[in-house]
Protein backbone atom coordinates (compact mmCIF):
# COMPACT_ATOMS: atom_id res chain seq x y z
CA MET A 1 60.59 101.77 93.70
CA LYS A 2 56.93 102.82 93.61
CA LYS A 3 56.33 100.82 96.78
CA PHE A 4 59.30 102.52 98.51
CA ILE A 5 58.07 106.01 97.51
CA SER A 6 54.57 105.12 98.68
CA ILE A 7 55.88 104.01 102.08
CA VAL A 8 58.04 107.13 102.48
CA PHE A 9 55.11 109.35 101.49
CA SER A 10 52.80 107.57 103.97
CA LEU A 11 55.33 107.96 106.78
CA ALA A 12 55.78 111.66 105.94
CA VAL A 13 52.00 112.23 106.04
CA MET A 14 51.67 110.42 109.39
CA THR A 15 54.59 112.36 110.86
CA PHE A 16 53.15 115.67 109.68
CA ALA A 17 49.70 114.80 111.08
CA ALA A 18 51.16 113.76 114.43
CA CYS A 19 53.23 116.94 114.69
CA GLY A 20 50.20 119.01 113.83
CA GLN A 21 48.23 117.41 116.66
CA ASN A 22 51.03 117.92 119.15
CA ASN A 23 51.51 121.53 118.15
CA HIS A 24 47.79 122.18 118.45
CA THR A 25 47.70 120.72 121.95
CA SER A 26 50.78 122.66 122.99
CA SER A 27 49.42 125.95 121.66
CA LYS A 28 46.17 125.45 123.63
CA LYS A 29 48.15 124.79 126.80
CA ASP A 30 50.40 127.76 126.10
CA GLU A 31 47.35 129.97 125.42
CA GLN A 32 45.81 129.05 128.78
CA LYS A 33 49.15 129.41 130.58
CA ALA A 34 49.45 132.92 129.11
CA LEU A 35 46.26 133.96 130.92
CA VAL A 36 46.92 135.32 134.40
CA PHE A 37 44.21 135.00 137.03
CA PRO A 38 44.20 137.26 140.10
CA VAL A 39 42.86 134.51 142.41
CA GLN A 40 45.09 131.45 142.34
CA LYS A 41 44.95 128.60 144.82
CA ALA A 42 46.43 125.14 145.11
CA GLU A 43 44.06 122.27 144.40
CA SER A 44 44.15 121.39 148.12
CA GLU A 45 42.87 124.90 148.94
CA TRP A 46 40.04 124.64 146.38
CA LYS A 47 39.05 121.31 147.97
CA LYS A 48 38.53 123.13 151.28
CA ILE A 49 36.48 125.94 149.69
CA LEU A 50 34.36 124.03 147.16
CA SER A 51 31.89 121.19 147.63
CA PRO A 52 33.08 117.88 146.13
CA VAL A 53 30.74 118.36 143.15
CA ALA A 54 31.82 121.98 142.59
CA TYR A 55 35.47 120.90 142.82
CA GLU A 56 34.95 118.17 140.21
CA ILE A 57 33.25 120.62 137.84
CA MET A 58 35.29 123.75 138.38
CA VAL A 59 38.81 122.38 138.95
CA ASN A 60 38.61 119.12 136.99
CA LYS A 61 36.37 120.59 134.25
CA GLY A 62 33.60 118.09 134.81
CA THR A 63 29.93 118.33 133.84
CA GLU A 64 26.96 117.64 136.06
CA PRO A 65 24.03 115.58 134.80
CA PRO A 66 21.33 117.47 132.91
CA PHE A 67 18.00 118.00 134.70
CA LYS A 68 19.56 116.71 137.95
CA ASN A 69 21.20 119.90 139.15
CA GLU A 70 20.16 122.68 141.45
CA PHE A 71 19.41 125.62 139.17
CA TYR A 72 18.28 124.37 135.76
CA ASN A 73 14.63 124.87 136.77
CA ASN A 74 15.06 127.82 139.15
CA HIS A 75 12.68 130.66 138.23
CA GLU A 76 13.30 132.94 141.20
CA LYS A 77 14.66 136.47 140.76
CA GLY A 78 18.24 137.05 141.82
CA ILE A 79 21.84 136.71 140.76
CA TYR A 80 24.13 133.76 140.28
CA VAL A 81 27.61 134.13 141.73
CA SER A 82 30.73 132.00 141.47
CA ALA A 83 30.81 129.10 143.92
CA ALA A 84 34.55 129.75 144.25
CA THR A 85 34.73 133.51 144.77
CA GLY A 86 31.21 134.91 145.18
CA GLU A 87 31.82 137.09 142.10
CA PRO A 88 28.50 138.02 140.39
CA LEU A 89 28.36 136.16 137.07
CA PHE A 90 24.78 135.88 135.76
CA SER A 91 21.37 137.41 136.43
CA SER A 92 17.98 135.69 136.51
CA GLU A 93 16.89 138.45 134.09
CA ASP A 94 19.10 136.83 131.43
CA LYS A 95 18.22 133.20 132.26
CA PHE A 96 16.06 131.16 129.90
CA ASP A 97 14.86 127.59 129.52
CA SER A 98 17.03 126.10 126.79
CA GLY A 99 15.60 122.60 127.21
CA THR A 100 19.11 121.24 127.79
CA GLY A 101 18.80 120.58 131.52
CA TRP A 102 21.41 123.11 132.62
CA PRO A 103 20.97 126.75 133.62
CA SER A 104 21.26 128.84 130.47
CA PHE A 105 21.84 132.57 130.14
CA THR A 106 22.01 134.98 127.20
CA LYS A 107 24.88 136.96 128.71
CA PRO A 108 26.97 137.41 131.85
CA ILE A 109 26.28 140.29 134.24
CA ASN A 110 29.60 141.80 133.22
CA ASP A 111 31.55 140.75 130.10
CA LYS A 112 34.77 140.95 132.12
CA ALA A 113 33.54 138.38 134.67
CA VAL A 114 34.02 135.44 132.30
CA ILE A 115 36.46 134.45 129.57
CA TRP A 116 35.98 132.15 126.59
CA VAL A 117 38.74 129.65 125.78
CA LYS A 118 38.82 126.93 123.13
CA ASP A 119 37.93 123.46 124.41
CA ASN A 120 38.88 120.56 122.14
CA SER A 121 38.02 117.80 124.62
CA HIS A 122 35.77 114.81 123.95
CA GLY A 123 36.27 115.04 120.19
CA MET A 124 34.45 118.38 119.95
CA VAL A 125 35.47 121.99 119.44
CA ARG A 126 33.61 124.29 121.83
CA ASP A 127 34.02 127.57 123.63
CA GLU A 128 34.57 126.93 127.31
CA VAL A 129 33.46 129.57 129.80
CA ILE A 130 35.85 130.15 132.68
CA GLU A 131 35.75 132.58 135.57
CA ALA A 132 38.00 135.55 134.85
CA LYS A 133 39.26 135.82 138.43
CA THR A 134 40.23 132.16 138.88
CA GLY A 135 40.34 130.44 135.50
CA LEU A 136 38.01 127.78 136.89
CA HIS A 137 35.54 125.99 134.60
CA LEU A 138 31.92 127.18 134.56
CA GLY A 139 30.47 125.60 131.40
CA HIS A 140 30.32 126.38 127.68
CA VAL A 141 28.84 129.02 125.39
CA PHE A 142 27.01 128.27 122.14
CA ASP A 143 25.57 130.45 119.39
CA ASP A 144 22.07 128.94 119.47
CA GLY A 145 20.52 131.19 122.11
CA PRO A 146 17.64 133.65 121.85
CA ALA A 147 17.74 137.36 121.03
CA PRO A 148 19.17 139.79 121.79
CA THR A 149 22.60 138.08 121.93
CA GLY A 150 21.93 134.79 120.14
CA LEU A 151 24.16 133.15 122.76
CA ARG A 152 23.50 130.34 125.22
CA TYR A 153 25.81 130.29 128.21
CA CYS A 154 25.28 126.72 129.40
CA ILE A 155 26.57 126.77 132.98
CA ASN A 156 26.91 124.01 135.57
CA SER A 157 24.77 124.67 138.66
CA ALA A 158 27.53 123.44 140.96
CA ALA A 159 29.78 126.26 139.73
CA LEU A 160 27.21 128.77 140.97
CA LYS A 161 25.51 129.96 144.12
CA PHE A 162 22.17 131.75 143.90
CA ILE A 163 21.43 134.95 145.79
CA LYS A 164 17.70 135.52 145.89
CA GLN A 165 16.52 139.08 145.22
């Protein structure tokens, strides 16, 4: 009898855990579906607009290699705009060398230009940064940045274009 109860209990725990995982995944998908983006395009249209690398990063939520991207070591004055829309996203005034190999910023130009969403991919829990107009992936934000915000917006170069001042 003890063995039977033990088996039933184990099955109940596994079922509960599996349901919890499925519900969590569904709620994340539902949360992102609930967001409405003013600029929506089919993947085939984004392929025409974006470079292959930008497409992989922005549409497929990829990540470029650290230290081997266009803007991690850019020290010129100017603004960084979305590679997809040309929307101003970050300023060189807020850029800093985080040592990570990606362009890092303390804040966006305008808080309404980007949105944070939960990212549970690759066995981690992070805050993904997406473009507010399109919902396309830009990078991630972490709370280990310098003053005044304490934030580090770690953004893929391929998701940006630089407009020199």
